[in-house]
Amino acid sequence: MINVKESTLKAVGMLLAWAIGAGLGACGGSGDPADMNAPPAGRSAVRAGDILVYESRQSVQCGSRGLTTQQSALKLTHGGIDVVQSACGAMTGVGFPAVCGAGTGEILMHEIRSVSLSDAEQLGFQSVATLQNPALGTDYAWVDCQTGLVMP
């Protein structure tokens, strides 16, 4: 009988869950960043002079779907920032452990006036451009708010 510490088994289990989650997250889509960042059919492109900002949806696996786009947009409007349109998204190229209670990488995106970026940052939002790093393979994709599936 082999005596393996429980903490070692937990660490191996967490590493395996992360590896599986990262692998599943890489499936699907053409992989072309232009495809992921282009608004899906039925959504207008970000207007000149505007910018997309995001915050975490605060959803957890096996649990809460987190905030709605309306709840998130209210943070901006209460801060005096006009919201042009809102949508759901997901971070791509980032691994999340596949375990109940862990984060999902889902984000809430809002189109605002570029001049309001610093005010939005004070409220905890960031430009979606901060998610884009070709060297690391990270980006974002538009997703359906109800299902979390990447939109075509």
C-alpha atoms as a PDB file:
ATOM      1  CA  MET A   1       0.000   0.000   0.000  1.00  0.00           C
ATOM      2  CA  ILE A   2       1.358   3.394  -0.981  1.00  0.00           C
ATOM      3  CA  ASN A   3       1.000   6.169   1.593  1.00  0.00           C
ATOM      4  CA  VAL A   4       0.251   9.409  -0.261  1.00  0.00           C
ATOM      5  CA  LYS A   5      -0.472  12.557   1.687  1.00  0.00           C
ATOM      6  CA  GLU A   6      -3.978  13.945   1.285  1.00  0.00           C
ATOM      7  CA  SER A   7      -2.569  17.396   0.463  1.00  0.00           C
ATOM      8  CA  THR A   8      -0.568  15.908  -2.420  1.00  0.00           C
ATOM      9  CA  LEU A   9      -3.691  14.249  -3.816  1.00  0.00           C
ATOM     10  CA  LYS A  10      -5.624  17.525  -3.547  1.00  0.00           C
ATOM     11  CA  ALA A  11      -2.851  19.425  -5.352  1.00  0.00           C
ATOM     12  CA  VAL A  12      -2.716  16.852  -8.148  1.00  0.00           C
ATOM     13  CA  GLY A  13      -6.528  16.942  -8.429  1.00  0.00           C
ATOM     14  CA  MET A  14      -6.570  20.734  -8.659  1.00  0.00           C
ATOM     15  CA  LEU A  15      -3.812  20.723 -11.289  1.00  0.00           C
ATOM     16  CA  LEU A  16      -5.667  18.120 -13.328  1.00  0.00           C
ATOM     17  CA  ALA A  17      -8.928  20.106 -13.079  1.00  0.00           C
ATOM     18  CA  TRP A  18      -7.143  23.252 -14.230  1.00  0.00           C
ATOM     19  CA  ALA A  19      -5.525  21.447 -17.176  1.00  0.00           C
ATOM     20  CA  ILE A  20      -8.847  19.968 -18.293  1.00  0.00           C
ATOM     21  CA  GLY A  21     -10.599  23.341 -17.925  1.00  0.00           C
ATOM     22  CA  ALA A  22      -7.883  25.106 -19.897  1.00  0.00           C
ATOM     23  CA  GLY A  23      -8.074  22.501 -22.645  1.00  0.00           C
ATOM     24  CA  LEU A  24     -11.851  22.719 -22.900  1.00  0.00           C
ATOM     25  CA  GLY A  25     -11.686  26.504 -22.959  1.00  0.00           C
ATOM     26  CA  ALA A  26      -9.496  26.314 -26.054  1.00  0.00           C
ATOM     27  CA  CYS A  27     -12.045  24.304 -28.056  1.00  0.00           C
ATOM     28  CA  GLY A  28     -14.282  25.765 -30.716  1.00  0.00           C
ATOM     29  CA  GLY A  29     -14.226  28.844 -32.906  1.00  0.00           C
ATOM     30  CA  SER A  30     -11.877  29.688 -35.704  1.00  0.00           C
ATOM     31  CA  GLY A  31      -9.277  31.088 -33.336  1.00  0.00           C
ATOM     32  CA  ASP A  32      -9.105  34.270 -35.388  1.00  0.00           C
ATOM     33  CA  PRO A  33      -9.105  37.196 -32.921  1.00  0.00           C
ATOM     34  CA  ALA A  34     -11.047  39.300 -35.414  1.00  0.00           C
ATOM     35  CA  ASP A  35     -13.876  36.737 -35.222  1.00  0.00           C
ATOM     36  CA  MET A  36     -13.994  36.827 -31.424  1.00  0.00           C
ATOM     37  CA  ASN A  37     -13.844  40.602 -31.038  1.00  0.00           C
ATOM     38  CA  ALA A  38     -16.301  41.492 -33.769  1.00  0.00           C
ATOM     39  CA  PRO A  39     -19.790  42.063 -32.387  1.00  0.00           C
ATOM     40  CA  PRO A  40     -22.109  39.155 -33.176  1.00  0.00           C
ATOM     41  CA  ALA A  41     -24.925  39.455 -35.682  1.00  0.00           C
ATOM     42  CA  GLY A  42     -27.575  41.890 -34.498  1.00  0.00           C
ATOM     43  CA  ARG A  43     -25.143  44.021 -32.461  1.00  0.00           C
ATOM     44  CA  SER A  44     -23.676  47.246 -33.729  1.00  0.00           C
ATOM     45  CA  ALA A  45     -19.936  47.821 -33.766  1.00  0.00           C
ATOM     46  CA  VAL A  46     -18.396  50.135 -31.195  1.00  0.00           C
ATOM     47  CA  ARG A  47     -18.771  53.675 -32.469  1.00  0.00           C
ATOM     48  CA  ALA A  48     -15.884  56.042 -33.126  1.00  0.00           C
ATOM     49  CA  GLY A  49     -15.113  57.910 -29.912  1.00  0.00           C
ATOM     50  CA  ASP A  50     -16.402  55.054 -27.753  1.00  0.00           C
ATOM     51  CA  ILE A  51     -14.648  52.224 -25.941  1.00  0.00           C
ATOM     52  CA  LEU A  52     -15.636  48.847 -24.488  1.00  0.00           C
ATOM     53  CA  VAL A  53     -15.065  48.408 -20.766  1.00  0.00           C
ATOM     54  CA  TYR A  54     -15.676  45.304 -18.703  1.00  0.00           C
ATOM     55  CA  GLU A  55     -15.950  43.920 -15.213  1.00  0.00           C
ATOM     56  CA  SER A  56     -16.198  40.366 -13.926  1.00  0.00           C
ATOM     57  CA  ARG A  57     -19.680  38.903 -14.018  1.00  0.00           C
ATOM     58  CA  GLN A  58     -18.863  37.356 -10.621  1.00  0.00           C
ATOM     59  CA  SER A  59     -20.360  34.045 -11.702  1.00  0.00           C
ATOM     60  CA  VAL A  60     -19.192  30.812 -10.094  1.00  0.00           C
ATOM     61  CA  GLN A  61     -19.202  27.255 -11.366  1.00  0.00           C
ATOM     62  CA  CYS A  62     -22.080  25.125 -10.011  1.00  0.00           C
ATOM     63  CA  GLY A  63     -23.575  28.292  -8.531  1.00  0.00           C
ATOM     64  CA  SER A  64     -24.640  31.836  -9.214  1.00  0.00           C
ATOM     65  CA  ARG A  65     -24.702  33.214 -12.739  1.00  0.00           C
ATOM     66  CA  GLY A  66     -23.520  36.458 -11.162  1.00  0.00           C
ATOM     67  CA  LEU A  67     -24.489  39.980 -12.139  1.00  0.00           C
ATOM     68  CA  THR A  68     -26.739  40.905 -15.040  1.00  0.00           C
ATOM     69  CA  THR A  69     -25.757  43.447 -17.673  1.00  0.00           C
ATOM     70  CA  GLN A  70     -28.360  45.796 -16.180  1.00  0.00           C
ATOM     71  CA  GLN A  71     -26.890  45.550 -12.662  1.00  0.00           C
ATOM     72  CA  SER A  72     -23.412  46.189 -14.010  1.00  0.00           C
ATOM     73  CA  ALA A  73     -24.539  49.094 -16.224  1.00  0.00           C
ATOM     74  CA  LEU A  74     -26.207  50.729 -13.215  1.00  0.00           C
ATOM     75  CA  LYS A  75     -22.797  51.039 -11.552  1.00  0.00           C
ATOM     76  CA  LEU A  76     -21.658  53.137 -14.498  1.00  0.00           C
ATOM     77  CA  THR A  77     -24.801  55.233 -14.825  1.00  0.00           C
ATOM     78  CA  HIS A  78     -24.860  55.912 -11.088  1.00  0.00           C
ATOM     79  CA  GLY A  79     -21.270  57.104 -11.558  1.00  0.00           C
ATOM     80  CA  GLY A  80     -22.431  59.593 -14.187  1.00  0.00           C
ATOM     81  CA  ILE A  81     -21.267  57.542 -17.187  1.00  0.00           C
ATOM     82  CA  ASP A  82     -23.529  57.070 -20.218  1.00  0.00           C
ATOM     83  CA  VAL A  83     -23.826  53.441 -21.345  1.00  0.00           C
ATOM     84  CA  VAL A  84     -24.432  53.078 -25.085  1.00  0.00           C
ATOM     85  CA  GLN A  85     -24.921  49.298 -25.131  1.00  0.00           C
ATOM     86  CA  SER A  86     -24.121  46.289 -22.957  1.00  0.00           C
ATOM     87  CA  ALA A  87     -23.221  42.677 -23.665  1.00  0.00           C
ATOM     88  CA  CYS A  88     -21.762  39.559 -22.114  1.00  0.00           C
ATOM     89  CA  GLY A  89     -18.329  38.183 -22.833  1.00  0.00           C
ATOM     90  CA  ALA A  90     -15.724  35.736 -21.639  1.00  0.00           C
ATOM     91  CA  MET A  91     -11.987  35.854 -21.206  1.00  0.00           C
ATOM     92  CA  THR A  92     -10.208  33.510 -23.615  1.00  0.00           C
ATOM     93  CA  GLY A  93      -6.801  31.910 -23.365  1.00  0.00           C
ATOM     94  CA  VAL A  94      -7.060  31.868 -19.560  1.00  0.00           C
ATOM     95  CA  GLY A  95      -7.441  28.651 -17.558  1.00  0.00           C
ATOM     96  CA  PHE A  96      -9.978  28.344 -14.766  1.00  0.00           C
ATOM     97  CA  PRO A  97     -10.021  25.263 -12.512  1.00  0.00           C
ATOM     98  CA  ALA A  98     -13.061  23.098 -13.244  1.00  0.00           C
ATOM     99  CA  VAL A  99     -14.347  22.971  -9.685  1.00  0.00           C
ATOM    100  CA  CYS A 100     -17.557  24.082  -8.032  1.00  0.00           C
ATOM    101  CA  GLY A 101     -17.199  27.532  -6.502  1.00  0.00           C
ATOM    102  CA  ALA A 102     -14.405  28.636  -8.841  1.00  0.00           C
ATOM    103  CA  GLY A 103     -14.700  31.595 -11.213  1.00  0.00           C
ATOM    104  CA  THR A 104     -15.746  31.253 -14.831  1.00  0.00           C
ATOM    105  CA  GLY A 105     -14.031  34.064 -16.683  1.00  0.00           C
ATOM    106  CA  GLU A 106     -17.379  35.525 -17.751  1.00  0.00           C
ATOM    107  CA  ILE A 107     -17.382  39.303 -18.096  1.00  0.00           C
ATOM    108  CA  LEU A 108     -19.914  42.071 -18.624  1.00  0.00           C
ATOM    109  CA  MET A 109     -19.015  44.589 -21.335  1.00  0.00           C
ATOM    110  CA  HIS A 110     -20.314  48.103 -21.828  1.00  0.00           C
ATOM    111  CA  GLU A 111     -19.759  50.604 -24.598  1.00  0.00           C
ATOM    112  CA  ILE A 112     -19.069  54.035 -23.099  1.00  0.00           C
ATOM    113  CA  ARG A 113     -17.576  57.316 -24.332  1.00  0.00           C
ATOM    114  CA  SER A 114     -13.777  57.118 -24.445  1.00  0.00           C
ATOM    115  CA  VAL A 115     -13.518  60.308 -22.373  1.00  0.00           C
ATOM    116  CA  SER A 116     -15.229  58.433 -19.496  1.00  0.00           C
ATOM    117  CA  LEU A 117     -12.616  55.653 -19.292  1.00  0.00           C
ATOM    118  CA  SER A 118     -10.797  57.036 -16.237  1.00  0.00           C
ATOM    119  CA  ASP A 119     -14.115  57.475 -14.406  1.00  0.00           C
ATOM    120  CA  ALA A 120     -15.086  53.893 -15.276  1.00  0.00           C
ATOM    121  CA  GLU A 121     -11.705  52.649 -14.009  1.00  0.00           C
ATOM    122  CA  GLN A 122     -12.395  54.399 -10.696  1.00  0.00           C
ATOM    123  CA  LEU A 123     -15.558  52.276 -10.496  1.00  0.00           C
ATOM    124  CA  GLY A 124     -13.617  49.040 -11.083  1.00  0.00           C
ATOM    125  CA  PHE A 125     -14.050  48.652 -14.852  1.00  0.00           C
ATOM    126  CA  GLN A 126     -11.208  48.167 -17.347  1.00  0.00           C
ATOM    127  CA  SER A 127     -10.852  48.505 -21.092  1.00  0.00           C
ATOM    128  CA  VAL A 128     -11.288  45.181 -22.918  1.00  0.00           C
ATOM    129  CA  ALA A 129      -7.964  46.035 -24.588  1.00  0.00           C
ATOM    130  CA  THR A 130      -6.302  44.967 -21.305  1.00  0.00           C
ATOM    131  CA  LEU A 131      -7.497  41.405 -21.988  1.00  0.00           C
ATOM    132  CA  GLN A 132      -5.753  41.260 -25.362  1.00  0.00           C
ATOM    133  CA  ASN A 133      -2.203  39.926 -25.287  1.00  0.00           C
ATOM    134  CA  PRO A 134      -1.139  38.058 -28.453  1.00  0.00           C
ATOM    135  CA  ALA A 135       2.120  36.933 -26.825  1.00  0.00           C
ATOM    136  CA  LEU A 136       0.174  35.144 -24.071  1.00  0.00           C
ATOM    137  CA  GLY A 137      -2.757  34.167 -26.279  1.00  0.00           C
ATOM    138  CA  THR A 138      -5.312  35.981 -24.102  1.00  0.00           C
ATOM    139  CA  ASP A 139      -8.322  37.846 -25.435  1.00  0.00           C
ATOM    140  CA  TYR A 140     -12.087  38.055 -25.029  1.00  0.00           C
ATOM    141  CA  ALA A 141     -15.106  36.770 -26.917  1.00  0.00           C
ATOM    142  CA  TRP A 142     -18.751  37.849 -27.097  1.00  0.00           C
ATOM    143  CA  VAL A 143     -21.044  35.295 -25.437  1.00  0.00           C
ATOM    144  CA  ASP A 144     -24.768  34.755 -25.043  1.00  0.00           C
ATOM    145  CA  CYS A 145     -25.778  36.148 -21.629  1.00  0.00           C
ATOM    146  CA  GLN A 146     -28.149  33.262 -20.907  1.00  0.00           C
ATOM    147  CA  THR A 147     -26.054  30.278 -21.989  1.00  0.00           C
ATOM    148  CA  GLY A 148     -22.465  31.569 -21.793  1.00  0.00           C
ATOM    149  CA  LEU A 149     -21.812  30.135 -25.269  1.00  0.00           C
ATOM    150  CA  VAL A 150     -19.616  32.065 -27.696  1.00  0.00           C
ATOM    151  CA  MET A 151     -21.770  33.899 -30.213  1.00  0.00           C
ATOM    152  CA  PRO A 152     -21.160  33.427 -33.957  1.00  0.00           C
END
